[in-house]
Amino acid sequence: MPPFCKADPVYFDKMAPDGIYIGTDKSEVWTREQFRAWAKPFFDRKKAWAFTAIKRNVYWSPDQRYAWFDEQLKTQMGVCQASGVLQHTAGKLEITHYQLSLAVPNPLMDKFTKAIAEFEAEGGK
């Protein structure tokens, strides 16, 4: 899988206008329009990220108005995990909340958390 794929602005049409995207960095908590602005340079160069679902579980509310999901994704960062909430409005499902996380293997957690602590102690945010 290439690390980037063809950029398609339709990507953002899947998110509700008031939808929230939470990325892998702790500073990445965005509305759809903030996320679109951040991603614009990637889309302008016609290459963006490529996430391919490895596994996905979808659950529905009894009235079928809401769905939530969890997924594992193959990405340029390695395997990531994500979860989200979708709402059925105006005849379509829109993502109202999405959170992407790195999947850190448990045996690497001590090294990973130590690296983060050192980064933050040196002034990294």
C-alpha atoms as a PDB file:
ATOM      1  CA  MET A   1       0.000   0.000   0.000  1.00  0.00           C
ATOM      2  CA  PRO A   2       1.422   3.415  -0.880  1.00  0.00           C
ATOM      3  CA  PRO A   3       1.784   5.836   2.048  1.00  0.00           C
ATOM      4  CA  PHE A   4      -0.444   8.366   0.301  1.00  0.00           C
ATOM      5  CA  CYS A   5      -3.432   8.120  -1.973  1.00  0.00           C
ATOM      6  CA  LYS A   6      -5.184  10.401  -4.430  1.00  0.00           C
ATOM      7  CA  ALA A   7      -6.775  13.261  -2.522  1.00  0.00           C
ATOM      8  CA  ASP A   8     -10.546  13.486  -2.825  1.00  0.00           C
ATOM      9  CA  PRO A   9     -12.408  16.420  -1.198  1.00  0.00           C
ATOM     10  CA  VAL A  10     -15.487  14.163  -0.899  1.00  0.00           C
ATOM     11  CA  TYR A  11     -13.642  12.778   2.128  1.00  0.00           C
ATOM     12  CA  PHE A  12     -14.964  15.704   4.185  1.00  0.00           C
ATOM     13  CA  ASP A  13     -18.546  15.269   2.937  1.00  0.00           C
ATOM     14  CA  LYS A  14     -18.773  12.121   5.068  1.00  0.00           C
ATOM     15  CA  MET A  15     -18.397  14.226   8.215  1.00  0.00           C
ATOM     16  CA  ALA A  16     -21.308  16.192   9.683  1.00  0.00           C
ATOM     17  CA  PRO A  17     -20.895  19.991   9.534  1.00  0.00           C
ATOM     18  CA  ASP A  18     -20.535  20.005  13.336  1.00  0.00           C
ATOM     19  CA  GLY A  19     -18.549  16.752  13.385  1.00  0.00           C
ATOM     20  CA  ILE A  20     -15.417  16.356  15.500  1.00  0.00           C
ATOM     21  CA  TYR A  21     -12.186  14.688  14.356  1.00  0.00           C
ATOM     22  CA  ILE A  22      -9.589  13.671  16.960  1.00  0.00           C
ATOM     23  CA  GLY A  23      -6.218  12.775  15.491  1.00  0.00           C
ATOM     24  CA  THR A  24      -3.187  10.982  16.882  1.00  0.00           C
ATOM     25  CA  ASP A  25      -1.510  14.095  18.330  1.00  0.00           C
ATOM     26  CA  LYS A  26      -3.004  15.471  21.542  1.00  0.00           C
ATOM     27  CA  SER A  27      -3.395  18.866  19.857  1.00  0.00           C
ATOM     28  CA  GLU A  28      -5.599  17.415  17.104  1.00  0.00           C
ATOM     29  CA  VAL A  29      -9.188  18.022  18.188  1.00  0.00           C
ATOM     30  CA  TRP A  30     -10.905  19.682  15.253  1.00  0.00           C
ATOM     31  CA  THR A  31     -14.255  20.542  13.793  1.00  0.00           C
ATOM     32  CA  ARG A  32     -14.787  19.417  10.205  1.00  0.00           C
ATOM     33  CA  GLU A  33     -13.767  22.841   8.867  1.00  0.00           C
ATOM     34  CA  GLN A  34     -10.659  23.030  11.073  1.00  0.00           C
ATOM     35  CA  PHE A  35      -9.662  19.556   9.911  1.00  0.00           C
ATOM     36  CA  ARG A  36     -10.306  20.527   6.287  1.00  0.00           C
ATOM     37  CA  ALA A  37      -8.075  23.609   6.707  1.00  0.00           C
ATOM     38  CA  TRP A  38      -5.290  21.526   8.294  1.00  0.00           C
ATOM     39  CA  ALA A  39      -5.494  18.909   5.516  1.00  0.00           C
ATOM     40  CA  LYS A  40      -5.714  21.451   2.669  1.00  0.00           C
ATOM     41  CA  PRO A  41      -1.979  21.385   1.805  1.00  0.00           C
ATOM     42  CA  PHE A  42      -2.153  17.593   1.386  1.00  0.00           C
ATOM     43  CA  PHE A  43      -5.245  17.799  -0.796  1.00  0.00           C
ATOM     44  CA  ASP A  44      -3.793  20.708  -2.809  1.00  0.00           C
ATOM     45  CA  ARG A  45      -0.825  18.572  -3.824  1.00  0.00           C
ATOM     46  CA  LYS A  46      -3.329  15.859  -4.857  1.00  0.00           C
ATOM     47  CA  LYS A  47      -1.902  13.332  -2.391  1.00  0.00           C
ATOM     48  CA  ALA A  48      -3.212  12.563   1.062  1.00  0.00           C
ATOM     49  CA  TRP A  49      -3.170   9.608   3.417  1.00  0.00           C
ATOM     50  CA  ALA A  50      -4.331   6.101   2.656  1.00  0.00           C
ATOM     51  CA  PHE A  51      -6.167   4.202   5.367  1.00  0.00           C
ATOM     52  CA  THR A  52      -7.327   0.692   4.539  1.00  0.00           C
ATOM     53  CA  ALA A  53      -9.676  -1.085   6.921  1.00  0.00           C
ATOM     54  CA  ILE A  54      -8.316  -4.336   8.317  1.00  0.00           C
ATOM     55  CA  LYS A  55     -11.260  -4.977  10.620  1.00  0.00           C
ATOM     56  CA  ARG A  56     -14.415  -3.010  11.398  1.00  0.00           C
ATOM     57  CA  ASN A  57     -17.301  -3.567  13.805  1.00  0.00           C
ATOM     58  CA  VAL A  58     -20.496  -1.533  13.400  1.00  0.00           C
ATOM     59  CA  TYR A  59     -23.312  -1.297  15.944  1.00  0.00           C
ATOM     60  CA  TRP A  60     -26.759   0.288  15.500  1.00  0.00           C
ATOM     61  CA  SER A  61     -29.159   1.978  17.878  1.00  0.00           C
ATOM     62  CA  PRO A  62     -32.587   0.273  18.022  1.00  0.00           C
ATOM     63  CA  ASP A  63     -34.169   3.111  16.011  1.00  0.00           C
ATOM     64  CA  GLN A  64     -31.390   2.955  13.359  1.00  0.00           C
ATOM     65  CA  ARG A  65     -30.716   6.717  13.741  1.00  0.00           C
ATOM     66  CA  TYR A  66     -27.225   6.214  15.171  1.00  0.00           C
ATOM     67  CA  ALA A  67     -24.372   3.848  14.537  1.00  0.00           C
ATOM     68  CA  TRP A  68     -21.003   3.562  16.210  1.00  0.00           C
ATOM     69  CA  PHE A  69     -17.992   1.639  15.113  1.00  0.00           C
ATOM     70  CA  ASP A  70     -14.481   0.584  15.960  1.00  0.00           C
ATOM     71  CA  GLU A  71     -11.900  -0.297  13.369  1.00  0.00           C
ATOM     72  CA  GLN A  72      -8.300  -1.258  12.787  1.00  0.00           C
ATOM     73  CA  LEU A  73      -6.603   0.442   9.861  1.00  0.00           C
ATOM     74  CA  LYS A  74      -3.479  -0.124   7.812  1.00  0.00           C
ATOM     75  CA  THR A  75      -1.806   3.293   7.474  1.00  0.00           C
ATOM     76  CA  GLN A  76       1.546   4.881   6.700  1.00  0.00           C
ATOM     77  CA  MET A  77       1.987   5.018  10.520  1.00  0.00           C
ATOM     78  CA  GLY A  78       1.454   1.264  10.851  1.00  0.00           C
ATOM     79  CA  VAL A  79      -1.708  -0.213  12.318  1.00  0.00           C
ATOM     80  CA  CYS A  80      -4.019   2.368  13.862  1.00  0.00           C
ATOM     81  CA  GLN A  81      -7.285   1.986  15.709  1.00  0.00           C
ATOM     82  CA  ALA A  82     -10.236   4.297  15.442  1.00  0.00           C
ATOM     83  CA  SER A  83     -13.771   4.679  16.632  1.00  0.00           C
ATOM     84  CA  GLY A  84     -16.608   6.874  15.586  1.00  0.00           C
ATOM     85  CA  VAL A  85     -20.252   7.786  15.840  1.00  0.00           C
ATOM     86  CA  LEU A  86     -22.542   8.267  12.860  1.00  0.00           C
ATOM     87  CA  GLN A  87     -25.949   9.920  12.748  1.00  0.00           C
ATOM     88  CA  HIS A  88     -28.611   9.257  10.139  1.00  0.00           C
ATOM     89  CA  THR A  89     -29.794  12.656   8.869  1.00  0.00           C
ATOM     90  CA  ALA A  90     -31.440  13.774   5.637  1.00  0.00           C
ATOM     91  CA  GLY A  91     -31.257  10.293   4.141  1.00  0.00           C
ATOM     92  CA  LYS A  92     -27.546   9.716   4.775  1.00  0.00           C
ATOM     93  CA  LEU A  93     -25.144   8.758   7.521  1.00  0.00           C
ATOM     94  CA  GLU A  94     -22.721  11.439   8.668  1.00  0.00           C
ATOM     95  CA  ILE A  95     -19.757  11.046  11.004  1.00  0.00           C
ATOM     96  CA  THR A  96     -20.359  13.180  14.086  1.00  0.00           C
ATOM     97  CA  HIS A  97     -17.318  12.028  16.051  1.00  0.00           C
ATOM     98  CA  TYR A  98     -14.152  10.218  14.949  1.00  0.00           C
ATOM     99  CA  GLN A  99     -11.039   9.371  16.939  1.00  0.00           C
ATOM    100  CA  LEU A 100      -7.857   7.925  15.452  1.00  0.00           C
ATOM    101  CA  SER A 101      -5.206   6.330  17.673  1.00  0.00           C
ATOM    102  CA  LEU A 102      -1.878   4.615  17.175  1.00  0.00           C
ATOM    103  CA  ALA A 103      -2.004   0.964  18.159  1.00  0.00           C
ATOM    104  CA  VAL A 104       0.997   0.586  20.472  1.00  0.00           C
ATOM    105  CA  PRO A 105       1.896  -3.025  21.265  1.00  0.00           C
ATOM    106  CA  ASN A 106       1.912  -3.619  25.028  1.00  0.00           C
ATOM    107  CA  PRO A 107       5.563  -4.813  25.083  1.00  0.00           C
ATOM    108  CA  LEU A 108       6.582  -1.406  23.646  1.00  0.00           C
ATOM    109  CA  MET A 109       4.452   0.707  25.999  1.00  0.00           C
ATOM    110  CA  ASP A 110       7.202   1.449  28.571  1.00  0.00           C
ATOM    111  CA  LYS A 111       9.586   2.708  25.861  1.00  0.00           C
ATOM    112  CA  PHE A 112       6.801   4.638  24.179  1.00  0.00           C
ATOM    113  CA  THR A 113       5.607   6.402  27.343  1.00  0.00           C
ATOM    114  CA  LYS A 114       9.215   7.166  28.332  1.00  0.00           C
ATOM    115  CA  ALA A 115       9.859   8.757  24.917  1.00  0.00           C
ATOM    116  CA  ILE A 116       6.728  10.904  25.308  1.00  0.00           C
ATOM    117  CA  ALA A 117       7.731  11.990  28.829  1.00  0.00           C
ATOM    118  CA  GLU A 118      11.234  12.958  27.597  1.00  0.00           C
ATOM    119  CA  PHE A 119       9.766  14.845  24.651  1.00  0.00           C
ATOM    120  CA  GLU A 120       7.413  16.801  26.903  1.00  0.00           C
ATOM    121  CA  ALA A 121      10.161  17.470  29.507  1.00  0.00           C
ATOM    122  CA  GLU A 122      12.207  19.065  26.701  1.00  0.00           C
ATOM    123  CA  GLY A 123       9.335  21.424  25.926  1.00  0.00           C
ATOM    124  CA  GLY A 124       7.560  19.409  23.257  1.00  0.00           C
ATOM    125  CA  LYS A 125       3.813  19.749  23.156  1.00  0.00           C
END
